């Protein structure tokens, strides 16, 4: 079930990523006006998708294993997500700048189909989120107050 929930959360993130990428790519970051526009658009769209995915995974996919240290959990989530972002960014950069395929269609195929849609990045992120970010061994039990007023762990 976790993998299905992960996929659904990722689907929402994918829609946001592709939508924002295309909106930026054809407007304010059009490559005819901004050199590097497609790469900047992909960085922005992916950052927004990462934030949405973190919320969905924290509060739905891995809700039983979210940690009390929210800052550390979110930093680790971003580290894994940024590492996973390298795959579509590299595909986009090679296609657009090395191979000279500069159309909107080519940018979408390289970053959103080859980079995101083939599943390698998703599998990479799922495994690291499940084992490292939301790993069962990393969840700290909530503290409780005993009858003497001392804070103790519930483990």
N, C-alpha and C. Protein backbone atom coordinates (compact mmCIF):
# COMPACT_ATOMS: atom_id res chain seq x y z
N UNK A 1 0.82 -1.20 0.00
CA UNK A 1 0.00 0.00 0.00
C UNK A 1 0.86 1.26 0.00
N UNK A 2 1.99 1.23 0.71
CA UNK A 2 2.85 2.41 0.73
C UNK A 2 3.29 2.80 -0.67
N UNK A 3 3.65 1.81 -1.47
CA UNK A 3 4.12 2.11 -2.82
C UNK A 3 3.01 2.72 -3.66
N UNK A 4 1.77 2.26 -3.47
CA UNK A 4 0.64 2.82 -4.20
C UNK A 4 0.40 4.27 -3.76
N UNK A 5 0.40 4.51 -2.45
CA UNK A 5 0.24 5.88 -1.95
C UNK A 5 1.39 6.76 -2.44
N UNK A 6 2.60 6.22 -2.41
CA UNK A 6 3.77 6.94 -2.91
C UNK A 6 3.56 7.31 -4.37
N UNK A 7 3.05 6.38 -5.16
CA UNK A 7 2.79 6.64 -6.57
C UNK A 7 1.74 7.71 -6.79
N UNK A 8 0.69 7.69 -5.98
CA UNK A 8 -0.36 8.71 -6.11
C UNK A 8 0.16 10.09 -5.72
N UNK A 9 0.91 10.16 -4.64
CA UNK A 9 1.51 11.44 -4.24
C UNK A 9 2.47 11.91 -5.33
N UNK A 10 3.27 10.98 -5.83
CA UNK A 10 4.19 11.32 -6.91
C UNK A 10 3.47 11.77 -8.17
N UNK A 11 2.30 11.20 -8.43
CA UNK A 11 1.50 11.61 -9.59
C UNK A 11 1.07 13.06 -9.48
N UNK A 12 0.65 13.46 -8.28
CA UNK A 12 0.28 14.87 -8.07
C UNK A 12 1.51 15.75 -8.26
N UNK A 13 2.63 15.32 -7.68
CA UNK A 13 3.87 16.08 -7.86
C UNK A 13 4.28 16.17 -9.31
N UNK A 14 4.09 15.08 -10.05
CA UNK A 14 4.42 15.04 -11.48
C UNK A 14 3.57 16.05 -12.26
N UNK A 15 2.28 16.10 -11.97
CA UNK A 15 1.38 17.04 -12.64
C UNK A 15 1.81 18.48 -12.35
N UNK A 16 2.13 18.76 -11.09
CA UNK A 16 2.60 20.10 -10.72
C UNK A 16 3.92 20.40 -11.43
N UNK A 17 4.84 19.45 -11.41
CA UNK A 17 6.14 19.63 -12.04
C UNK A 17 6.00 19.94 -13.53
N UNK A 18 5.25 19.11 -14.23
CA UNK A 18 5.08 19.29 -15.69
C UNK A 18 4.32 20.58 -15.99
N UNK A 19 3.27 20.84 -15.23
CA UNK A 19 2.47 22.05 -15.46
C UNK A 19 3.25 23.33 -15.25
N UNK A 20 3.95 23.42 -14.13
CA UNK A 20 4.74 24.62 -13.83
C UNK A 20 5.90 24.74 -14.81
N UNK A 21 6.56 23.62 -15.12
CA UNK A 21 7.65 23.65 -16.09
C UNK A 21 7.19 24.25 -17.42
N UNK A 22 6.08 23.74 -17.94
CA UNK A 22 5.59 24.22 -19.23
C UNK A 22 5.13 25.67 -19.16
N UNK A 23 4.47 26.05 -18.09
CA UNK A 23 4.04 27.43 -17.93
C UNK A 23 5.24 28.38 -17.94
N UNK A 24 6.26 28.04 -17.17
CA UNK A 24 7.46 28.89 -17.13
C UNK A 24 8.21 28.85 -18.46
N UNK A 25 8.28 27.67 -19.05
CA UNK A 25 9.05 27.47 -20.29
C UNK A 25 8.50 28.28 -21.45
N UNK A 26 7.18 28.48 -21.50
CA UNK A 26 6.58 29.23 -22.62
C UNK A 26 6.32 30.69 -22.28
N UNK A 27 6.60 31.10 -21.04
CA UNK A 27 6.36 32.50 -20.65
C UNK A 27 7.67 33.15 -20.22
N UNK A 28 7.84 33.36 -18.94
CA UNK A 28 8.96 34.16 -18.43
C UNK A 28 10.33 33.52 -18.61
N UNK A 29 10.39 32.19 -18.81
CA UNK A 29 11.68 31.53 -19.00
C UNK A 29 11.81 30.92 -20.39
N UNK A 30 11.15 31.52 -21.36
CA UNK A 30 11.25 31.09 -22.75
C UNK A 30 12.73 31.17 -23.17
N UNK A 31 13.28 30.10 -23.74
CA UNK A 31 14.70 30.09 -24.07
C UNK A 31 15.09 31.13 -25.13
N UNK A 32 14.15 31.66 -25.87
CA UNK A 32 14.49 32.71 -26.82
C UNK A 32 14.75 34.04 -26.11
N UNK A 33 14.33 34.14 -24.84
CA UNK A 33 14.55 35.35 -24.05
C UNK A 33 15.52 35.15 -22.89
N UNK A 34 15.58 33.93 -22.37
CA UNK A 34 16.43 33.64 -21.21
C UNK A 34 17.29 32.43 -21.53
N UNK A 35 18.61 32.67 -21.67
CA UNK A 35 19.50 31.54 -21.88
C UNK A 35 19.47 30.67 -20.63
N UNK A 36 19.28 29.42 -20.81
CA UNK A 36 19.15 28.51 -19.67
C UNK A 36 17.74 28.44 -19.14
N UNK A 37 16.79 29.07 -19.81
CA UNK A 37 15.42 29.10 -19.35
C UNK A 37 14.81 27.74 -19.06
N UNK A 38 14.99 26.75 -19.95
CA UNK A 38 14.41 25.43 -19.65
C UNK A 38 14.98 24.79 -18.38
N UNK A 39 16.26 24.97 -18.15
CA UNK A 39 16.87 24.40 -16.94
C UNK A 39 16.35 25.13 -15.70
N UNK A 40 16.26 26.47 -15.76
CA UNK A 40 15.71 27.23 -14.63
C UNK A 40 14.26 26.83 -14.37
N UNK A 41 13.49 26.68 -15.45
CA UNK A 41 12.09 26.28 -15.31
C UNK A 41 11.99 24.92 -14.63
N UNK A 42 12.87 24.00 -15.01
CA UNK A 42 12.84 22.66 -14.42
C UNK A 42 13.24 22.71 -12.95
N UNK A 43 14.22 23.53 -12.61
CA UNK A 43 14.63 23.67 -11.20
C UNK A 43 13.47 24.19 -10.35
N UNK A 44 12.79 25.21 -10.84
CA UNK A 44 11.68 25.80 -10.10
C UNK A 44 10.51 24.82 -9.98
N UNK A 45 10.14 24.20 -11.09
CA UNK A 45 9.00 23.28 -11.06
C UNK A 45 9.28 22.07 -10.18
N UNK A 46 10.50 21.59 -10.20
CA UNK A 46 10.85 20.43 -9.38
C UNK A 46 10.88 20.80 -7.90
N UNK A 47 11.37 22.00 -7.58
CA UNK A 47 11.40 22.43 -6.18
C UNK A 47 9.97 22.51 -5.62
N UNK A 48 9.05 23.01 -6.41
CA UNK A 48 7.66 23.07 -5.97
C UNK A 48 7.08 21.67 -5.81
N UNK A 49 7.37 20.80 -6.74
CA UNK A 49 6.88 19.41 -6.65
C UNK A 49 7.48 18.70 -5.43
N UNK A 50 8.74 18.98 -5.11
CA UNK A 50 9.36 18.38 -3.92
C UNK A 50 8.60 18.78 -2.66
N UNK A 51 8.25 20.04 -2.55
CA UNK A 51 7.51 20.52 -1.36
C UNK A 51 6.16 19.81 -1.26
N UNK A 52 5.46 19.70 -2.37
CA UNK A 52 4.16 19.02 -2.37
C UNK A 52 4.33 17.54 -2.04
N UNK A 53 5.34 16.91 -2.62
CA UNK A 53 5.59 15.49 -2.34
C UNK A 53 5.95 15.24 -0.88
N UNK A 54 6.72 16.14 -0.29
CA UNK A 54 7.09 15.97 1.12
C UNK A 54 5.84 15.99 1.99
N UNK A 55 4.96 16.94 1.74
CA UNK A 55 3.72 17.00 2.53
C UNK A 55 2.88 15.74 2.35
N UNK A 56 2.72 15.31 1.10
CA UNK A 56 1.93 14.11 0.82
C UNK A 56 2.53 12.86 1.42
N UNK A 57 3.84 12.72 1.32
CA UNK A 57 4.49 11.53 1.88
C UNK A 57 4.53 11.57 3.39
N UNK A 58 4.74 12.73 3.96
CA UNK A 58 4.80 12.85 5.42
C UNK A 58 3.44 12.57 6.06
N UNK A 59 2.39 13.15 5.47
CA UNK A 59 1.08 13.07 6.11
C UNK A 59 0.18 11.97 5.56
N UNK A 60 0.62 11.26 4.50
CA UNK A 60 -0.22 10.19 3.97
C UNK A 60 0.56 8.90 3.75
N UNK A 61 1.55 8.92 2.86
CA UNK A 61 2.27 7.69 2.51
C UNK A 61 2.94 7.06 3.73
N UNK A 62 3.73 7.84 4.43
CA UNK A 62 4.51 7.32 5.57
C UNK A 62 4.01 7.92 6.88
N UNK A 63 2.73 8.19 6.99
CA UNK A 63 2.18 8.88 8.16
C UNK A 63 2.46 8.17 9.47
N UNK A 64 2.54 6.85 9.44
CA UNK A 64 2.79 6.10 10.67
C UNK A 64 4.26 6.15 11.07
N UNK A 65 5.10 6.62 10.19
CA UNK A 65 6.53 6.62 10.48
C UNK A 65 7.15 8.01 10.40
N UNK A 66 6.33 9.04 10.38
CA UNK A 66 6.94 10.37 10.33
C UNK A 66 7.61 10.65 11.67
N UNK A 67 8.62 11.46 11.61
CA UNK A 67 9.46 11.68 12.78
C UNK A 67 9.09 12.96 13.51
N UNK A 68 9.45 13.01 14.77
CA UNK A 68 9.18 14.21 15.56
C UNK A 68 10.13 15.34 15.18
N UNK A 69 11.29 15.01 14.67
CA UNK A 69 12.26 16.02 14.24
C UNK A 69 11.95 16.42 12.80
N UNK A 70 10.99 17.31 12.64
CA UNK A 70 10.48 17.69 11.33
C UNK A 70 11.56 18.34 10.47
N UNK A 71 12.40 19.17 11.07
CA UNK A 71 13.44 19.84 10.30
C UNK A 71 14.41 18.83 9.69
N UNK A 72 14.88 17.91 10.50
CA UNK A 72 15.82 16.90 9.99
C UNK A 72 15.15 16.03 8.93
N UNK A 73 13.92 15.62 9.19
CA UNK A 73 13.19 14.80 8.22
C UNK A 73 13.05 15.54 6.89
N UNK A 74 12.69 16.81 6.94
CA UNK A 74 12.49 17.58 5.71
C UNK A 74 13.81 17.80 4.98
N UNK A 75 14.89 18.03 5.70
CA UNK A 75 16.20 18.20 5.06
C UNK A 75 16.61 16.91 4.37
N UNK A 76 16.44 15.77 5.04
CA UNK A 76 16.77 14.49 4.43
C UNK A 76 15.89 14.21 3.21
N UNK A 77 14.62 14.57 3.29
CA UNK A 77 13.71 14.39 2.17
C UNK A 77 14.19 15.22 0.97
N UNK A 78 14.57 16.45 1.23
CA UNK A 78 15.06 17.32 0.16
C UNK A 78 16.36 16.77 -0.43
N UNK A 79 17.25 16.26 0.40
CA UNK A 79 18.51 15.68 -0.10
C UNK A 79 18.22 14.55 -1.08
N UNK A 80 17.34 13.64 -0.70
CA UNK A 80 16.98 12.52 -1.58
C UNK A 80 16.30 13.05 -2.85
N UNK A 81 15.40 14.00 -2.69
CA UNK A 81 14.67 14.55 -3.83
C UNK A 81 15.60 15.27 -4.80
N UNK A 82 16.55 16.04 -4.27
CA UNK A 82 17.49 16.76 -5.14
C UNK A 82 18.38 15.76 -5.88
N UNK A 83 18.80 14.72 -5.19
CA UNK A 83 19.59 13.68 -5.86
C UNK A 83 18.76 13.05 -6.98
N UNK A 84 17.49 12.78 -6.70
CA UNK A 84 16.60 12.22 -7.72
C UNK A 84 16.30 13.20 -8.84
N UNK A 85 16.36 14.51 -8.54
CA UNK A 85 16.12 15.53 -9.54
C UNK A 85 17.24 15.57 -10.58
N UNK A 86 18.41 15.09 -10.21
CA UNK A 86 19.54 15.11 -11.14
C UNK A 86 19.27 14.33 -12.42
N UNK A 87 18.48 13.28 -12.33
CA UNK A 87 18.21 12.44 -13.51
C UNK A 87 17.47 13.23 -14.59
N UNK A 88 16.30 13.85 -14.29
CA UNK A 88 15.62 14.61 -15.35
C UNK A 88 16.38 15.86 -15.78
N UNK A 89 17.10 16.50 -14.86
CA UNK A 89 17.88 17.68 -15.24
C UNK A 89 19.00 17.31 -16.21
N UNK A 90 19.67 16.22 -15.94
CA UNK A 90 20.74 15.77 -16.83
C UNK A 90 20.18 15.42 -18.21
N UNK A 91 19.05 14.72 -18.23
CA UNK A 91 18.41 14.39 -19.51
C UNK A 91 18.04 15.64 -20.29
N UNK A 92 17.48 16.63 -19.60
CA UNK A 92 17.10 17.89 -20.24
C UNK A 92 18.33 18.63 -20.76
N UNK A 93 19.36 18.73 -19.96
CA UNK A 93 20.57 19.46 -20.36
C UNK A 93 21.21 18.81 -21.58
N UNK A 94 21.34 17.49 -21.57
CA UNK A 94 21.95 16.79 -22.71
C UNK A 94 21.11 16.99 -23.97
N UNK A 95 19.82 16.81 -23.85
CA UNK A 95 18.94 16.95 -25.01
C UNK A 95 18.96 18.38 -25.56
N UNK A 96 18.82 19.36 -24.68
CA UNK A 96 18.67 20.75 -25.12
C UNK A 96 20.00 21.36 -25.57
N UNK A 97 21.05 21.16 -24.78
CA UNK A 97 22.30 21.88 -25.04
C UNK A 97 23.36 21.06 -25.77
N UNK A 98 23.36 19.76 -25.61
CA UNK A 98 24.36 18.93 -26.28
C UNK A 98 23.83 18.44 -27.63
N UNK A 99 22.60 17.95 -27.63
CA UNK A 99 22.03 17.39 -28.85
C UNK A 99 21.31 18.44 -29.70
N UNK A 100 21.06 19.62 -29.14
CA UNK A 100 20.43 20.69 -29.89
C UNK A 100 18.93 20.52 -30.11
N UNK A 101 18.28 19.66 -29.35
CA UNK A 101 16.83 19.47 -29.46
C UNK A 101 16.16 20.49 -28.54
N UNK A 102 15.79 21.62 -29.10
CA UNK A 102 15.39 22.77 -28.28
C UNK A 102 13.90 23.08 -28.28
N UNK A 103 13.08 22.27 -28.89
CA UNK A 103 11.65 22.55 -28.91
C UNK A 103 11.03 22.25 -27.55
N UNK A 104 9.85 22.80 -27.34
CA UNK A 104 9.10 22.51 -26.11
C UNK A 104 8.83 21.01 -26.00
N UNK A 105 8.49 20.40 -27.11
CA UNK A 105 8.23 18.96 -27.15
C UNK A 105 9.47 18.17 -26.71
N UNK A 106 10.63 18.51 -27.26
CA UNK A 106 11.87 17.80 -26.92
C UNK A 106 12.24 18.00 -25.45
N UNK A 107 12.03 19.22 -24.95
CA UNK A 107 12.33 19.48 -23.53
C UNK A 107 11.44 18.64 -22.62
N UNK A 108 10.17 18.49 -22.99
CA UNK A 108 9.25 17.68 -22.19
C UNK A 108 9.58 16.20 -22.28
N UNK A 109 9.91 15.73 -23.46
CA UNK A 109 10.26 14.31 -23.61
C UNK A 109 11.50 13.98 -22.80
N UNK A 110 12.52 14.83 -22.92
CA UNK A 110 13.79 14.53 -22.23
C UNK A 110 13.66 14.61 -20.72
N UNK A 111 13.01 15.65 -20.21
CA UNK A 111 12.97 15.81 -18.75
C UNK A 111 11.81 15.06 -18.09
N UNK A 112 10.64 15.08 -18.72
CA UNK A 112 9.46 14.54 -18.05
C UNK A 112 9.11 13.11 -18.44
N UNK A 113 9.55 12.66 -19.61
CA UNK A 113 9.30 11.27 -20.00
C UNK A 113 10.53 10.41 -19.70
N UNK A 114 11.65 10.78 -20.30
CA UNK A 114 12.87 10.00 -20.08
C UNK A 114 13.38 10.19 -18.64
N UNK A 115 13.43 11.43 -18.18
CA UNK A 115 13.98 11.72 -16.86
C UNK A 115 13.11 11.30 -15.70
N UNK A 116 11.81 11.52 -15.81
CA UNK A 116 10.90 11.19 -14.70
C UNK A 116 10.09 9.93 -14.94
N UNK A 117 9.59 9.77 -16.15
CA UNK A 117 8.60 8.75 -16.43
C UNK A 117 9.10 7.32 -16.53
N UNK A 118 10.39 7.11 -16.69
CA UNK A 118 10.88 5.74 -16.83
C UNK A 118 10.94 4.99 -15.51
N UNK A 119 10.77 5.66 -14.41
CA UNK A 119 10.65 4.98 -13.13
C UNK A 119 11.93 4.85 -12.32
N UNK A 120 13.10 5.04 -12.93
CA UNK A 120 14.34 4.86 -12.17
C UNK A 120 14.43 5.86 -11.03
N UNK A 121 14.08 7.09 -11.30
CA UNK A 121 14.12 8.11 -10.24
C UNK A 121 13.11 7.83 -9.15
N UNK A 122 11.93 7.33 -9.53
CA UNK A 122 10.89 7.02 -8.55
C UNK A 122 11.31 5.87 -7.63
N UNK A 123 11.87 4.84 -8.21
CA UNK A 123 12.33 3.70 -7.41
C UNK A 123 13.45 4.14 -6.47
N UNK A 124 14.39 4.91 -6.99
CA UNK A 124 15.50 5.45 -6.19
C UNK A 124 14.95 6.23 -4.99
N UNK A 125 14.00 7.14 -5.24
CA UNK A 125 13.45 7.96 -4.16
C UNK A 125 12.63 7.13 -3.18
N UNK A 126 11.79 6.21 -3.66
CA UNK A 126 10.97 5.40 -2.76
C UNK A 126 11.84 4.62 -1.78
N UNK A 127 12.85 3.98 -2.29
CA UNK A 127 13.72 3.17 -1.43
C UNK A 127 14.40 4.05 -0.38
N UNK A 128 14.95 5.18 -0.80
CA UNK A 128 15.64 6.03 0.17
C UNK A 128 14.66 6.70 1.14
N UNK A 129 13.48 7.09 0.70
CA UNK A 129 12.49 7.66 1.63
C UNK A 129 12.09 6.60 2.66
N UNK A 130 11.83 5.39 2.19
CA UNK A 130 11.34 4.33 3.07
C UNK A 130 12.40 3.86 4.06
N UNK A 131 13.64 3.76 3.60
CA UNK A 131 14.71 3.24 4.44
C UNK A 131 15.37 4.33 5.28
N UNK A 132 15.62 5.48 4.69
CA UNK A 132 16.40 6.51 5.37
C UNK A 132 15.50 7.58 5.99
N UNK A 133 14.74 8.30 5.19
CA UNK A 133 13.98 9.44 5.70
C UNK A 133 12.88 9.00 6.65
N UNK A 134 12.07 8.02 6.23
CA UNK A 134 10.95 7.56 7.05
C UNK A 134 11.18 6.13 7.55
N UNK A 135 12.43 5.71 7.66
CA UNK A 135 12.75 4.36 8.08
C UNK A 135 12.24 4.06 9.48
N UNK A 136 11.75 2.84 9.66
CA UNK A 136 11.20 2.45 10.96
C UNK A 136 12.21 2.61 12.08
N UNK A 137 13.46 2.33 11.82
CA UNK A 137 14.49 2.44 12.85
C UNK A 137 14.78 3.89 13.21
N UNK A 138 14.37 4.83 12.37
CA UNK A 138 14.67 6.24 12.59
C UNK A 138 13.56 6.96 13.33
N UNK A 139 12.41 6.33 13.46
CA UNK A 139 11.29 6.98 14.14
C UNK A 139 11.53 6.92 15.64
N UNK A 140 11.47 8.07 16.29
CA UNK A 140 11.63 8.10 17.74
C UNK A 140 10.26 8.01 18.38
N UNK A 141 10.12 7.15 19.37
CA UNK A 141 8.83 7.08 20.05
C UNK A 141 8.57 8.39 20.78
N UNK A 142 7.32 8.78 20.88
CA UNK A 142 7.01 10.03 21.57
C UNK A 142 7.37 9.94 23.05
N UNK A 143 7.76 11.06 23.61
CA UNK A 143 8.09 11.10 25.03
C UNK A 143 6.80 11.13 25.85
N UNK A 144 6.86 10.56 27.02
CA UNK A 144 5.71 10.56 27.92
C UNK A 144 6.16 11.02 29.29
N UNK A 145 5.25 11.50 30.07
CA UNK A 145 5.56 11.94 31.42
C UNK A 145 5.05 10.87 32.37
N UNK A 146 5.99 10.35 33.20
CA UNK A 146 5.57 9.32 34.15
C UNK A 146 4.88 9.97 35.36
N UNK A 147 4.47 9.17 36.31
CA UNK A 147 3.72 9.68 37.45
C UNK A 147 4.55 10.58 38.35
N UNK A 148 5.87 10.49 38.29
CA UNK A 148 6.73 11.34 39.10
C UNK A 148 7.03 12.66 38.40
N UNK A 149 6.51 12.83 37.18
CA UNK A 149 6.72 14.09 36.45
C UNK A 149 7.96 14.09 35.57
N UNK A 150 8.63 12.94 35.45
CA UNK A 150 9.83 12.86 34.62
C UNK A 150 9.45 12.47 33.19
N UNK A 151 10.16 13.04 32.22
CA UNK A 151 9.91 12.70 30.84
C UNK A 151 10.68 11.44 30.51
N UNK A 152 9.98 10.45 29.96
CA UNK A 152 10.60 9.17 29.60
C UNK A 152 10.22 8.82 28.17
N UNK A 153 10.95 7.90 27.60
CA UNK A 153 10.63 7.40 26.27
C UNK A 153 9.65 6.25 26.40
N UNK A 154 8.78 6.10 25.40
CA UNK A 154 7.80 5.02 25.44
C UNK A 154 8.35 3.72 24.86
N UNK A 155 9.62 3.64 24.56
CA UNK A 155 10.17 2.40 23.97
C UNK A 155 10.50 1.38 25.02
